[in-house]
PDB file of N, CA and C in Angstrom:
ATOM      1  N   ASP A   1     152.657 114.198 142.690  1.00  0.00           N
ATOM      2  CA  ASP A   1     153.608 115.240 143.052  1.00  0.00           C
ATOM      3  C   ASP A   1     152.846 116.444 143.592  1.00  0.00           C
ATOM      4  N   ARG A   2     153.097 116.795 144.809  1.00  0.00           N
ATOM      5  CA  ARG A   2     152.345 117.859 145.473  1.00  0.00           C
ATOM      6  C   ARG A   2     152.807 119.262 145.092  1.00  0.00           C
ATOM      7  N   THR A   3     153.925 119.357 144.377  1.00  0.00           N
ATOM      8  CA  THR A   3     154.414 120.685 144.003  1.00  0.00           C
ATOM      9  C   THR A   3     153.628 121.252 142.823  1.00  0.00           C
ATOM     10  N   HIS A   4     152.917 120.399 142.091  1.00  0.00           N
ATOM     11  CA  HIS A   4     152.121 120.864 140.959  1.00  0.00           C
ATOM     12  C   HIS A   4     150.805 121.431 141.469  1.00  0.00           C
ATOM     13  N   ILE A   5     150.549 122.690 141.172  1.00  0.00           N
ATOM     14  CA  ILE A   5     149.309 123.339 141.600  1.00  0.00           C
ATOM     15  C   ILE A   5     148.541 123.770 140.359  1.00  0.00           C
ATOM     16  N   GLU A   6     147.268 123.367 140.308  1.00  0.00           N
ATOM     17  CA  GLU A   6     146.423 123.762 139.187  1.00  0.00           C
ATOM     18  C   GLU A   6     146.175 125.261 139.247  1.00  0.00           C
ATOM     19  N   PRO A   7     146.293 125.956 138.116  1.00  0.00           N
ATOM     20  CA  PRO A   7     145.987 127.389 138.123  1.00  0.00           C
ATOM     21  C   PRO A   7     144.488 127.603 138.352  1.00  0.00           C
ATOM     22  N   GLN A   8     144.149 128.650 139.052  1.00  0.00           N
ATOM     23  CA  GLN A   8     142.749 128.958 139.316  1.00  0.00           C
ATOM     24  C   GLN A   8     142.091 129.466 138.032  1.00  0.00           C
ATOM     25  N   ARG A   9     140.923 128.930 137.743  1.00  0.00           N
ATOM     26  CA  ARG A   9     140.177 129.404 136.578  1.00  0.00           C
ATOM     27  C   ARG A   9     139.317 130.592 137.004  1.00  0.00           C
ATOM     28  N   THR A  10     139.234 131.588 136.140  1.00  0.00           N
ATOM     29  CA  THR A  10     138.357 132.727 136.431  1.00  0.00           C
ATOM     30  C   THR A  10     136.915 132.313 136.164  1.00  0.00           C
ATOM     31  N   GLU A  11     135.969 133.086 136.697  1.00  0.00           N
ATOM     32  CA  GLU A  11     134.550 132.801 136.455  1.00  0.00           C
ATOM     33  C   GLU A  11     134.253 132.828 134.961  1.00  0.00           C
ATOM     34  N   ARG A  12     134.867 133.757 134.263  1.00  0.00           N
ATOM     35  CA  ARG A  12     134.642 133.855 132.810  1.00  0.00           C
ATOM     36  C   ARG A  12     135.149 132.600 132.099  1.00  0.00           C
ATOM     37  N   GLU A  13     136.338 132.118 132.485  1.00  0.00           N
ATOM     38  CA  GLU A  13     136.882 130.895 131.882  1.00  0.00           C
ATOM     39  C   GLU A  13     135.984 129.700 132.181  1.00  0.00           C
ATOM     40  N   ILE A  14     135.511 129.613 133.406  1.00  0.00           N
ATOM     41  CA  ILE A  14     134.619 128.519 133.790  1.00  0.00           C
ATOM     42  C   ILE A  14     133.357 128.555 132.939  1.00  0.00           C
ATOM     43  N   PHE A  15     132.762 129.746 132.827  1.00  0.00           N
ATOM     44  CA  PHE A  15     131.542 129.909 132.042  1.00  0.00           C
ATOM     45  C   PHE A  15     131.786 129.516 130.585  1.00  0.00           C
ATOM     46  N   GLU A  16     132.871 130.031 129.988  1.00  0.00           N
ATOM     47  CA  GLU A  16     133.154 129.756 128.582  1.00  0.00           C
ATOM     48  C   GLU A  16     133.431 128.271 128.339  1.00  0.00           C
ATOM     49  N   GLN A  17     134.136 127.625 129.261  1.00  0.00           N
ATOM     50  CA  GLN A  17     134.403 126.192 129.120  1.00  0.00           C
ATOM     51  C   GLN A  17     133.105 125.389 129.218  1.00  0.00           C
ATOM     52  N   PHE A  18     132.260 125.759 130.169  1.00  0.00           N
ATOM     53  CA  PHE A  18     130.968 125.090 130.346  1.00  0.00           C
ATOM     54  C   PHE A  18     130.137 125.235 129.070  1.00  0.00           C
ATOM     55  N   ALA A  19     130.034 126.465 128.563  1.00  0.00           N
ATOM     56  CA  ALA A  19     129.220 126.742 127.379  1.00  0.00           C
ATOM     57  C   ALA A  19     129.778 126.045 126.140  1.00  0.00           C
ATOM     58  N   ALA A  20     131.086 126.062 125.970  1.00  0.00           N
ATOM     59  CA  ALA A  20     131.706 125.424 124.811  1.00  0.00           C
ATOM     60  C   ALA A  20     131.529 123.909 124.863  1.00  0.00           C
ATOM     61  N   HIS A  21     131.683 123.353 126.045  1.00  0.00           N
ATOM     62  CA  HIS A  21     131.544 121.903 126.221  1.00  0.00           C
ATOM     63  C   HIS A  21     130.148 121.428 125.825  1.00  0.00           C
ATOM     64  N   ARG A  22     129.152 122.295 125.995  1.00  0.00           N
ATOM     65  CA  ARG A  22     127.770 121.938 125.681  1.00  0.00           C
ATOM     66  C   ARG A  22     127.273 122.562 124.388  1.00  0.00           C
ATOM     67  N   ASP A  23     128.180 123.193 123.645  1.00  0.00           N
ATOM     68  CA  ASP A  23     127.870 123.772 122.331  1.00  0.00           C
ATOM     69  C   ASP A  23     126.695 124.759 122.401  1.00  0.00           C
ATOM     70  N   LEU A  24     126.742 125.665 123.375  1.00  0.00           N
ATOM     71  CA  LEU A  24     125.665 126.649 123.526  1.00  0.00           C
ATOM     72  C   LEU A  24     125.829 127.771 122.505  1.00  0.00           C
ATOM     73  N   SER A  25     124.697 128.190 121.957  1.00  0.00           N
ATOM     74  CA  SER A  25     124.697 129.306 121.011  1.00  0.00           C
ATOM     75  C   SER A  25     124.963 130.605 121.778  1.00  0.00           C
ATOM     76  N   PRO A  26     125.303 131.670 121.054  1.00  0.00           N
ATOM     77  CA  PRO A  26     125.507 132.953 121.740  1.00  0.00           C
ATOM     78  C   PRO A  26     124.286 133.393 122.560  1.00  0.00           C
ATOM     79  N   ARG A  27     123.079 133.199 122.039  1.00  0.00           N
ATOM     80  CA  ARG A  27     121.881 133.599 122.776  1.00  0.00           C
ATOM     81  C   ARG A  27     121.661 132.701 123.990  1.00  0.00           C
ATOM     82  N   GLU A  28     121.913 131.413 123.838  1.00  0.00           N
ATOM     83  CA  GLU A  28     121.793 130.500 124.985  1.00  0.00           C
ATOM     84  C   GLU A  28     122.781 130.887 126.072  1.00  0.00           C
ATOM     85  N   ARG A  29     123.952 131.329 125.694  1.00  0.00           N
ATOM     86  CA  ARG A  29     124.947 131.787 126.672  1.00  0.00           C
ATOM     87  C   ARG A  29     124.431 133.022 127.420  1.00  0.00           C
ATOM     88  N   GLU A  30     123.813 133.939 126.674  1.00  0.00           N
ATOM     89  CA  GLU A  30     123.243 135.137 127.315  1.00  0.00           C
ATOM     90  C   GLU A  30     122.174 134.747 128.331  1.00  0.00           C
ATOM     91  N   VAL A  31     121.283 133.865 127.910  1.00  0.00           N
ATOM     92  CA  VAL A  31     120.206 133.423 128.803  1.00  0.00           C
ATOM     93  C   VAL A  31     120.803 132.721 130.021  1.00  0.00           C
ATOM     94  N   LEU A  32     121.797 131.875 129.809  1.00  0.00           N
ATOM     95  CA  LEU A  32     122.436 131.170 130.921  1.00  0.00           C
ATOM     96  C   LEU A  32     123.025 132.148 131.931  1.00  0.00           C
ATOM     97  N   ARG A  33     123.657 133.207 131.460  1.00  0.00           N
ATOM     98  CA  ARG A  33     124.221 134.202 132.382  1.00  0.00           C
ATOM     99  C   ARG A  33     123.141 134.778 133.289  1.00  0.00           C
ATOM    100  N   PHE A  34     121.984 135.105 132.698  1.00  0.00           N
ATOM    101  CA  PHE A  34     120.879 135.644 133.492  1.00  0.00           C
ATOM    102  C   PHE A  34     120.347 134.602 134.474  1.00  0.00           C
ATOM    103  N   VAL A  35     120.243 133.359 134.027  1.00  0.00           N
ATOM    104  CA  VAL A  35     119.772 132.274 134.903  1.00  0.00           C
ATOM    105  C   VAL A  35     120.718 132.125 136.095  1.00  0.00           C
ATOM    106  N   LEU A  36     122.014 132.140 135.821  1.00  0.00           N
ATOM    107  CA  LEU A  36     123.002 131.990 136.886  1.00  0.00           C
ATOM    108  C   LEU A  36     122.932 133.154 137.887  1.00  0.00           C
ATOM    109  N   ASP A  37     122.490 134.313 137.404  1.00  0.00           N
ATOM    110  CA  ASP A  37     122.340 135.472 138.285  1.00  0.00           C
ATOM    111  C   ASP A  37     120.987 135.492 138.997  1.00  0.00           C
ATOM    112  N   GLY A  38     120.160 134.461 138.764  1.00  0.00           N
ATOM    113  CA  GLY A  38     118.905 134.325 139.486  1.00  0.00           C
ATOM    114  C   GLY A  38     117.706 135.037 138.890  1.00  0.00           C
ATOM    115  N   HIS A  39     117.788 135.411 137.622  1.00  0.00           N
ATOM    116  CA  HIS A  39     116.671 136.117 136.983  1.00  0.00           C
ATOM    117  C   HIS A  39     115.576 135.157 136.542  1.00  0.00           C
ATOM    118  N   THR A  40     114.341 135.648 136.549  1.00  0.00           N
ATOM    119  CA  THR A  40     113.196 134.877 136.060  1.00  0.00           C
ATOM    120  C   THR A  40     113.117 134.999 134.543  1.00  0.00           C
ATOM    121  N   ASN A  41     112.288 134.146 133.933  1.00  0.00           N
ATOM    122  CA  ASN A  41     112.098 134.232 132.490  1.00  0.00           C
ATOM    123  C   ASN A  41     111.584 135.614 132.086  1.00  0.00           C
ATOM    124  N   ALA A  42     110.655 136.165 132.859  1.00  0.00           N
ATOM    125  CA  ALA A  42     110.092 137.481 132.549  1.00  0.00           C
ATOM    126  C   ALA A  42     111.177 138.558 132.610  1.00  0.00           C
ATOM    127  N   GLU A  43     112.038 138.484 133.607  1.00  0.00           N
ATOM    128  CA  GLU A  43     113.127 139.457 133.734  1.00  0.00           C
ATOM    129  C   GLU A  43     114.119 139.328 132.578  1.00  0.00           C
ATOM    130  N   ILE A  44     114.415 138.085 132.202  1.00  0.00           N
ATOM    131  CA  ILE A  44     115.336 137.852 131.090  1.00  0.00           C
ATOM    132  C   ILE A  44     114.736 138.410 129.800  1.00  0.00           C
ATOM    133  N   ALA A  45     113.463 138.153 129.587  1.00  0.00           N
ATOM    134  CA  ALA A  45     112.783 138.652 128.387  1.00  0.00           C
ATOM    135  C   ALA A  45     112.877 140.176 128.309  1.00  0.00           C
ATOM    136  N   ALA A  46     112.645 140.844 129.422  1.00  0.00           N
ATOM    137  CA  ALA A  46     112.702 142.310 129.450  1.00  0.00           C
ATOM    138  C   ALA A  46     114.117 142.802 129.152  1.00  0.00           C
ATOM    139  N   GLU A  47     115.115 142.147 129.721  1.00  0.00           N
ATOM    140  CA  GLU A  47     116.509 142.550 129.506  1.00  0.00           C
ATOM    141  C   GLU A  47     116.959 142.353 128.057  1.00  0.00           C
ATOM    142  N   LEU A  48     116.474 141.279 127.432  1.00  0.00           N
ATOM    143  CA  LEU A  48     116.900 140.953 126.076  1.00  0.00           C
ATOM    144  C   LEU A  48     115.955 141.494 125.002  1.00  0.00           C
ATOM    145  N   PHE A  49     114.881 142.168 125.431  1.00  0.00           N
ATOM    146  CA  PHE A  49     113.893 142.731 124.496  1.00  0.00           C
ATOM    147  C   PHE A  49     113.284 141.665 123.596  1.00  0.00           C
ATOM    148  N   VAL A  50     112.926 140.537 124.211  1.00  0.00           N
ATOM    149  CA  VAL A  50     112.249 139.448 123.501  1.00  0.00           C
ATOM    150  C   VAL A  50     111.036 139.033 124.323  1.00  0.00           C
ATOM    151  N   SER A  51     110.200 138.176 123.748  1.00  0.00           N
ATOM    152  CA  SER A  51     109.031 137.697 124.486  1.00  0.00           C
ATOM    153  C   SER A  51     109.450 136.630 125.502  1.00  0.00           C
ATOM    154  N   GLU A  52     108.579 136.424 126.472  1.00  0.00           N
ATOM    155  CA  GLU A  52     108.856 135.391 127.465  1.00  0.00           C
ATOM    156  C   GLU A  52     108.863 134.005 126.808  1.00  0.00           C
ATOM    157  N   SER A  53     108.031 133.814 125.793  1.00  0.00           N
ATOM    158  CA  SER A  53     108.028 132.509 125.105  1.00  0.00           C
ATOM    159  C   SER A  53     109.355 132.266 124.376  1.00  0.00           C
ATOM    160  N   THR A  54     110.003 133.332 123.917  1.00  0.00           N
ATOM    161  CA  THR A  54     111.326 133.186 123.295  1.00  0.00           C
ATOM    162  C   THR A  54     112.354 132.753 124.336  1.00  0.00           C
ATOM    163  N   VAL A  55     112.264 133.317 125.518  1.00  0.00           N
ATOM    164  CA  VAL A  55     113.167 132.909 126.603  1.00  0.00           C
ATOM    165  C   VAL A  55     112.916 131.446 126.951  1.00  0.00           C
ATOM    166  N   LYS A  56     111.651 131.049 127.014  1.00  0.00           N
ATOM    167  CA  LYS A  56     111.323 129.646 127.316  1.00  0.00           C
ATOM    168  C   LYS A  56     111.889 128.710 126.253  1.00  0.00           C
ATOM    169  N   PHE A  57     111.859 129.137 124.992  1.00  0.00           N
ATOM    170  CA  PHE A  57     112.450 128.355 123.900  1.00  0.00           C
ATOM    171  C   PHE A  57     113.939 128.136 124.163  1.00  0.00           C
ATOM    172  N   HIS A  58     114.641 129.216 124.507  1.00  0.00           N
ATOM    173  CA  HIS A  58     116.077 129.102 124.780  1.00  0.00           C
ATOM    174  C   HIS A  58     116.341 128.272 126.037  1.00  0.00           C
ATOM    175  N   MET A  59     115.484 128.405 127.031  1.00  0.00           N
ATOM    176  CA  MET A  59     115.627 127.592 128.255  1.00  0.00           C
ATOM    177  C   MET A  59     115.474 126.109 127.935  1.00  0.00           C
ATOM    178  N   ARG A  60     114.488 125.770 127.104  1.00  0.00           N
ATOM    179  CA  ARG A  60     114.309 124.356 126.723  1.00  0.00           C
ATOM    180  C   ARG A  60     115.568 123.828 126.042  1.00  0.00           C
ATOM    181  N   ASN A  61     116.150 124.637 125.154  1.00  0.00           N
ATOM    182  CA  ASN A  61     117.383 124.213 124.482  1.00  0.00           C
ATOM    183  C   ASN A  61     118.533 124.061 125.472  1.00  0.00           C
ATOM    184  N   LEU A  62     118.644 125.009 126.405  1.00  0.00           N
ATOM    185  CA  LEU A  62     119.688 124.911 127.436  1.00  0.00           C
ATOM    186  C   LEU A  62     119.534 123.633 128.251  1.00  0.00           C
ATOM    187  N   LEU A  63     118.322 123.351 128.670  1.00  0.00           N
ATOM    188  CA  LEU A  63     118.075 122.153 129.479  1.00  0.00           C
ATOM    189  C   LEU A  63     118.376 120.890 128.672  1.00  0.00           C
ATOM    190  N   ARG A  64     117.967 120.882 127.409  1.00  0.00           N
ATOM    191  CA  ARG A  64     118.227 119.711 126.554  1.00  0.00           C
ATOM    192  C   ARG A  64     119.726 119.500 126.365  1.00  0.00           C
ATOM    193  N   LYS A  65     120.446 120.561 126.077  1.00  0.00           N
ATOM    194  CA  LYS A  65     121.889 120.446 125.819  1.00  0.00           C
ATOM    195  C   LYS A  65     122.688 120.075 127.067  1.00  0.00           C
ATOM    196  N   THR A  66     122.135 120.325 128.240  1.00  0.00           N
ATOM    197  CA  THR A  66     122.834 120.007 129.490  1.00  0.00           C
ATOM    198  C   THR A  66     122.259 118.762 130.168  1.00  0.00           C
ATOM    199  N   ASP A  67     121.281 118.131 129.522  1.00  0.00           N
ATOM    200  CA  ASP A  67     120.615 116.947 130.087  1.00  0.00           C
ATOM    201  C   ASP A  67     119.991 117.233 131.450  1.00  0.00           C
ATOM    202  N   CYS A  68     119.454 118.422 131.609  1.00  0.00           N
ATOM    203  CA  CYS A  68     118.790 118.798 132.858  1.00  0.00           C
ATOM    204  C   CYS A  68     117.281 118.843 132.628  1.00  0.00           C
ATOM    205  N   LYS A  69     116.528 118.578 133.680  1.00  0.00           N
ATOM    206  CA  LYS A  69     115.077 118.617 133.580  1.00  0.00           C
ATOM    207  C   LYS A  69     114.501 119.951 134.035  1.00  0.00           C
ATOM    208  N   LYS A  70     115.224 120.644 134.891  1.00  0.00           N
ATOM    209  CA  LYS A  70     114.718 121.929 135.388  1.00  0.00           C
ATOM    210  C   LYS A  70     115.874 122.868 135.702  1.00  0.00           C
ATOM    211  N   ARG A  71     115.513 124.116 135.910  1.00  0.00           N
ATOM    212  CA  ARG A  71     116.486 125.186 136.135  1.00  0.00           C
ATOM    213  C   ARG A  71     117.406 124.887 137.320  1.00  0.00           C
ATOM    214  N   SER A  72     116.857 124.353 138.399  1.00  0.00           N
ATOM    215  CA  SER A  72     117.679 124.064 139.579  1.00  0.00           C
ATOM    216  C   SER A  72     118.749 123.020 139.277  1.00  0.00           C
ATOM    217  N   GLU A  73     118.422 122.052 138.426  1.00  0.00           N
ATOM    218  CA  GLU A  73     119.425 121.061 138.014  1.00  0.00           C
ATOM    219  C   GLU A  73     120.540 121.727 137.220  1.00  0.00           C
ATOM    220  N   LEU A  74     120.162 122.666 136.362  1.00  0.00           N
ATOM    221  CA  LEU A  74     121.149 123.397 135.563  1.00  0.00           C
ATOM    222  C   LEU A  74     122.094 124.176 136.471  1.00  0.00           C
ATOM    223  N   LEU A  75     121.548 124.814 137.490  1.00  0.00           N
ATOM    224  CA  LEU A  75     122.372 125.565 138.445  1.00  0.00           C
ATOM    225  C   LEU A  75     123.327 124.632 139.183  1.00  0.00           C
ATOM    226  N   SER A  76     122.831 123.480 139.594  1.00  0.00           N
ATOM    227  CA  SER A  76     123.682 122.496 140.282  1.00  0.00           C
ATOM    228  C   SER A  76     124.775 121.971 139.372  1.00  0.00           C
ATOM    229  N   LEU A  77     124.418 121.717 138.117  1.00  0.00           N
ATOM    230  CA  LEU A  77     125.396 121.235 137.157  1.00  0.00           C
ATOM    231  C   LEU A  77     126.507 122.256 136.970  1.00  0.00           C
ATOM    232  N   PHE A  78     126.135 123.528 136.842  1.00  0.00           N
ATOM    233  CA  PHE A  78     127.139 124.565 136.666  1.00  0.00           C
ATOM    234  C   PHE A  78     128.027 124.652 137.911  1.00  0.00           C
ATOM    235  N   ASP A  79     127.431 124.572 139.086  1.00  0.00           N
ATOM    236  CA  ASP A  79     128.220 124.617 140.328  1.00  0.00           C
ATOM    237  C   ASP A  79     129.204 123.463 140.389  1.00  0.00           C
ATOM    238  N   SER A  80     128.779 122.276 139.975  1.00  0.00           N
ATOM    239  CA  SER A  80     129.689 121.121 140.013  1.00  0.00           C
ATOM    240  C   SER A  80     130.790 121.269 138.966  1.00  0.00           C
ATOM    241  N   PHE A  81     130.504 121.944 137.851  1.00  0.00           N
ATOM    242  CA  PHE A  81     131.517 122.198 136.833  1.00  0.00           C
ATOM    243  C   PHE A  81     132.533 123.212 137.360  1.00  0.00           C
ATOM    244  N   ARG A  82     132.048 124.160 138.147  1.00  0.00           N
ATOM    245  CA  ARG A  82     132.895 125.212 138.704  1.00  0.00           C
ATOM    246  C   ARG A  82     133.963 124.626 139.622  1.00  0.00           C
ATOM    247  N   SER A  83     133.604 123.645 140.426  1.00  0.00           N
ATOM    248  CA  SER A  83     134.559 123.080 141.377  1.00  0.00           C
ATOM    249  C   SER A  83     134.549 121.551 141.297  1.00  0.00           C
ATOM    250  N   PRO A  84     135.173 121.000 140.260  1.00  0.00           N
ATOM    251  CA  PRO A  84     135.202 119.538 140.115  1.00  0.00           C
ATOM    252  C   PRO A  84     135.965 118.885 141.265  1.00  0.00           C
ATOM    253  N   GLN A  85     135.472 117.743 141.658  1.00  0.00           N
ATOM    254  CA  GLN A  85     136.097 117.016 142.784  1.00  0.00           C
ATOM    255  C   GLN A  85     137.187 116.099 142.282  1.00  0.00           C
TER     256      GLN A  85
END
């Protein structure tokens, strides 16, 4: 039925659904937001007042929980979640 139109999801809803689906912790969600905005580990560490090794720890967890091997895969995964085919 072509009269049914899916409501548009906001960026916040997309982010929250993605994070919930992968059971991300609050800190992992914070790190993910910075990653999605294109920040480096060093920049994220400075913003969150933690060491770069702490950011790397959270990145490893993010990659593990999303079954990604690298940051670019994570970005692609999020993009595909944003606009499912």
